[in-house]
Structures are given as structure tokens and as C-alpha cells.
Amino acid sequence: MTRRTRTALAGLGAAAALTAFAAPAQARPVDHDGKVLSKESKGANSLRIRDDETGKNYRFRVNRNTRFERIPGGFAGLHRGLVISVDGRTARNGLVATEVERDRDR
């Protein structure tokens, strides 16, 4: 093995080690406004909304830390067609809602 080959292999090994131990991506905040399409309360505790701006559908998981503002009954008070704003964050397995708020105007 030549000196140049050993240097190249050492550099590749160092790059691979840095990649393997790199810090995981941090949770990115998200904010979507739209209508509730559906909710699932059997085990998954999730809701789906259609974003007003993009027209895309998003699924948010809801946990015990999710806050509900101006929605009587919290998660149970959500129903299809309700216009809401969802603040959340990205997680390893999807989106997690941190705050769900009824839209004041609609």
C-alpha cells in the first residue's frame, strides 16, 4: 500500500467515524393552520388536518403534554371540519402537536 493510499483510507475512516457519531437532528418546530380531517383516539391519539396554505394533509400525534386552547373537552372536542392552528415539532416517527388552538376568526 502506498503512502497516498493509506492517507486517503485514513481520511475516509475519520469521515465515517464523524458521521456515525454525529448528533441527531434536533426537533424542528412546525406550524400549520387548517381544517380537521379526522382524529384517531384508539391508541394512536392523532389528528389529521389539511393545511390552508399548501393544501397538503398532515398527521399529528397528540400526547399528554399537548395543550388545547379554546377547544372545550380538549382532544375529545375536536371534530371534522373544525378550523384549528397546530404548533408542533418534528420527531423521529412523524409530527407531534405541542399546542392545538381553535381559530378565532372561523
C-alpha atoms as a PDB file:
ATOM      1  CA  MET A   1       0.000   0.000   0.000  1.00  0.00           C
ATOM      2  CA  THR A   2       1.401   3.352  -0.944  1.00  0.00           C
ATOM      3  CA  ARG A   3       1.567   6.328   1.352  1.00  0.00           C
ATOM      4  CA  ARG A   4      -1.062   8.182  -0.683  1.00  0.00           C
ATOM      5  CA  THR A   5      -3.500   5.236  -0.433  1.00  0.00           C
ATOM      6  CA  ARG A   6      -3.005   4.985   3.341  1.00  0.00           C
ATOM      7  CA  THR A   7      -3.635   8.717   3.755  1.00  0.00           C
ATOM      8  CA  ALA A   8      -6.806   8.510   1.668  1.00  0.00           C
ATOM      9  CA  LEU A   9      -8.080   5.493   3.637  1.00  0.00           C
ATOM     10  CA  ALA A  10      -7.323   7.198   6.945  1.00  0.00           C
ATOM     11  CA  GLY A  11      -9.259  10.273   5.811  1.00  0.00           C
ATOM     12  CA  LEU A  12     -12.238   8.121   4.779  1.00  0.00           C
ATOM     13  CA  GLY A  13     -12.147   6.319   8.113  1.00  0.00           C
ATOM     14  CA  ALA A  14     -12.151   9.599  10.037  1.00  0.00           C
ATOM     15  CA  ALA A  15     -15.068  10.925   7.965  1.00  0.00           C
ATOM     16  CA  ALA A  16     -17.045   7.728   8.583  1.00  0.00           C
ATOM     17  CA  ALA A  17     -16.407   7.951  12.322  1.00  0.00           C
ATOM     18  CA  LEU A  18     -17.597  11.561  12.447  1.00  0.00           C
ATOM     19  CA  THR A  19     -20.739  10.657  10.531  1.00  0.00           C
ATOM     20  CA  ALA A  20     -21.507   7.713  12.807  1.00  0.00           C
ATOM     21  CA  PHE A  21     -21.239   9.793  15.960  1.00  0.00           C
ATOM     22  CA  ALA A  22     -22.802  12.993  14.670  1.00  0.00           C
ATOM     23  CA  ALA A  23     -25.502  14.489  16.873  1.00  0.00           C
ATOM     24  CA  PRO A  24     -29.041  13.530  15.851  1.00  0.00           C
ATOM     25  CA  ALA A  25     -31.107  16.171  14.095  1.00  0.00           C
ATOM     26  CA  GLN A  26     -32.949  18.397  16.521  1.00  0.00           C
ATOM     27  CA  ALA A  27     -36.708  18.635  16.562  1.00  0.00           C
ATOM     28  CA  ARG A  28     -37.785  21.326  14.129  1.00  0.00           C
ATOM     29  CA  PRO A  29     -40.790  23.476  15.061  1.00  0.00           C
ATOM     30  CA  VAL A  30     -43.784  23.392  12.701  1.00  0.00           C
ATOM     31  CA  ASP A  31     -46.965  25.454  12.484  1.00  0.00           C
ATOM     32  CA  HIS A  32     -49.972  24.537  10.346  1.00  0.00           C
ATOM     33  CA  ASP A  33     -53.434  26.090  10.119  1.00  0.00           C
ATOM     34  CA  GLY A  34     -56.318  24.196   8.572  1.00  0.00           C
ATOM     35  CA  LYS A  35     -59.417  22.047   8.916  1.00  0.00           C
ATOM     36  CA  VAL A  36     -59.569  18.831  10.884  1.00  0.00           C
ATOM     37  CA  LEU A  37     -59.987  15.900   8.509  1.00  0.00           C
ATOM     38  CA  SER A  38     -60.112  13.148  11.119  1.00  0.00           C
ATOM     39  CA  LYS A  39     -58.934  12.055  14.533  1.00  0.00           C
ATOM     40  CA  GLU A  40     -57.961   8.691  15.919  1.00  0.00           C
ATOM     41  CA  SER A  41     -58.477   8.121  19.607  1.00  0.00           C
ATOM     42  CA  LYS A  42     -57.929   4.367  19.836  1.00  0.00           C
ATOM     43  CA  GLY A  43     -54.346   4.054  20.972  1.00  0.00           C
ATOM     44  CA  ALA A  44     -52.716   6.368  18.424  1.00  0.00           C
ATOM     45  CA  ASN A  45     -54.265   9.660  19.631  1.00  0.00           C
ATOM     46  CA  SER A  46     -53.627  11.520  16.408  1.00  0.00           C
ATOM     47  CA  LEU A  47     -55.344  14.045  14.195  1.00  0.00           C
ATOM     48  CA  ARG A  48     -55.115  14.887  10.515  1.00  0.00           C
ATOM     49  CA  ILE A  49     -55.505  18.378   9.100  1.00  0.00           C
ATOM     50  CA  ARG A  50     -55.468  19.895   5.616  1.00  0.00           C
ATOM     51  CA  ASP A  51     -53.220  22.956   5.572  1.00  0.00           C
ATOM     52  CA  ASP A  52     -54.976  26.096   4.292  1.00  0.00           C
ATOM     53  CA  GLU A  53     -51.882  27.460   2.553  1.00  0.00           C
ATOM     54  CA  THR A  54     -50.424  24.387   0.876  1.00  0.00           C
ATOM     55  CA  GLY A  55     -53.419  22.062   0.601  1.00  0.00           C
ATOM     56  CA  LYS A  56     -51.278  19.226   1.998  1.00  0.00           C
ATOM     57  CA  ASN A  57     -52.512  16.817   4.658  1.00  0.00           C
ATOM     58  CA  TYR A  58     -50.556  16.451   7.902  1.00  0.00           C
ATOM     59  CA  ARG A  59     -50.896  13.900  10.704  1.00  0.00           C
ATOM     60  CA  PHE A  60     -50.005  14.984  14.236  1.00  0.00           C
ATOM     61  CA  ARG A  61     -49.652  12.713  17.221  1.00  0.00           C
ATOM     62  CA  VAL A  62     -51.105  14.073  20.467  1.00  0.00           C
ATOM     63  CA  ASN A  63     -49.645  13.242  23.879  1.00  0.00           C
ATOM     64  CA  ARG A  64     -50.255  14.259  27.473  1.00  0.00           C
ATOM     65  CA  ASN A  65     -48.102  17.366  27.010  1.00  0.00           C
ATOM     66  CA  THR A  66     -50.248  18.735  24.168  1.00  0.00           C
ATOM     67  CA  ARG A  67     -52.152  21.877  25.200  1.00  0.00           C
ATOM     68  CA  PHE A  68     -55.617  22.642  23.829  1.00  0.00           C
ATOM     69  CA  GLU A  69     -56.704  26.292  23.676  1.00  0.00           C
ATOM     70  CA  ARG A  70     -60.347  27.331  23.193  1.00  0.00           C
ATOM     71  CA  ILE A  71     -61.438  23.745  22.465  1.00  0.00           C
ATOM     72  CA  PRO A  72     -63.882  22.573  25.145  1.00  0.00           C
ATOM     73  CA  GLY A  73     -63.062  18.996  26.088  1.00  0.00           C
ATOM     74  CA  GLY A  74     -59.566  19.088  24.583  1.00  0.00           C
ATOM     75  CA  PHE A  75     -58.885  16.210  22.209  1.00  0.00           C
ATOM     76  CA  ALA A  76     -62.452  14.933  22.619  1.00  0.00           C
ATOM     77  CA  GLY A  77     -63.730  18.334  21.450  1.00  0.00           C
ATOM     78  CA  LEU A  78     -62.062  18.049  18.043  1.00  0.00           C
ATOM     79  CA  HIS A  79     -64.378  17.217  15.165  1.00  0.00           C
ATOM     80  CA  ARG A  80     -64.215  17.060  11.402  1.00  0.00           C
ATOM     81  CA  GLY A  81     -64.329  20.497   9.768  1.00  0.00           C
ATOM     82  CA  LEU A  82     -63.147  22.435  12.838  1.00  0.00           C
ATOM     83  CA  VAL A  83     -60.598  25.095  11.808  1.00  0.00           C
ATOM     84  CA  ILE A  84     -57.536  24.937  14.055  1.00  0.00           C
ATOM     85  CA  SER A  85     -53.930  26.025  14.339  1.00  0.00           C
ATOM     86  CA  VAL A  86     -51.430  23.350  15.335  1.00  0.00           C
ATOM     87  CA  ASP A  87     -47.983  24.131  16.700  1.00  0.00           C
ATOM     88  CA  GLY A  88     -45.720  21.141  16.900  1.00  0.00           C
ATOM     89  CA  ARG A  89     -42.319  19.669  16.284  1.00  0.00           C
ATOM     90  CA  THR A  90     -40.797  17.018  14.142  1.00  0.00           C
ATOM     91  CA  ALA A  91     -39.999  13.728  15.821  1.00  0.00           C
ATOM     92  CA  ARG A  92     -38.309  10.528  14.742  1.00  0.00           C
ATOM     93  CA  ASN A  93     -41.635   8.992  13.762  1.00  0.00           C
ATOM     94  CA  GLY A  94     -43.619  11.985  12.474  1.00  0.00           C
ATOM     95  CA  LEU A  95     -45.081  15.200  13.831  1.00  0.00           C
ATOM     96  CA  VAL A  96     -46.042  15.783  17.480  1.00  0.00           C
ATOM     97  CA  ALA A  97     -48.555  18.510  18.400  1.00  0.00           C
ATOM     98  CA  THR A  98     -47.472  20.757  21.253  1.00  0.00           C
ATOM     99  CA  GLU A  99     -50.450  23.147  21.073  1.00  0.00           C
ATOM    100  CA  VAL A 100     -53.798  22.910  19.286  1.00  0.00           C
ATOM    101  CA  GLU A 101     -55.850  26.080  19.154  1.00  0.00           C
ATOM    102  CA  ARG A 102     -59.267  26.835  17.675  1.00  0.00           C
ATOM    103  CA  ASP A 103     -59.112  29.558  15.039  1.00  0.00           C
ATOM    104  CA  ARG A 104     -60.576  32.816  16.370  1.00  0.00           C
ATOM    105  CA  ASP A 105     -61.932  34.006  13.032  1.00  0.00           C
ATOM    106  CA  ARG A 106     -63.758  30.922  11.826  1.00  0.00           C
END
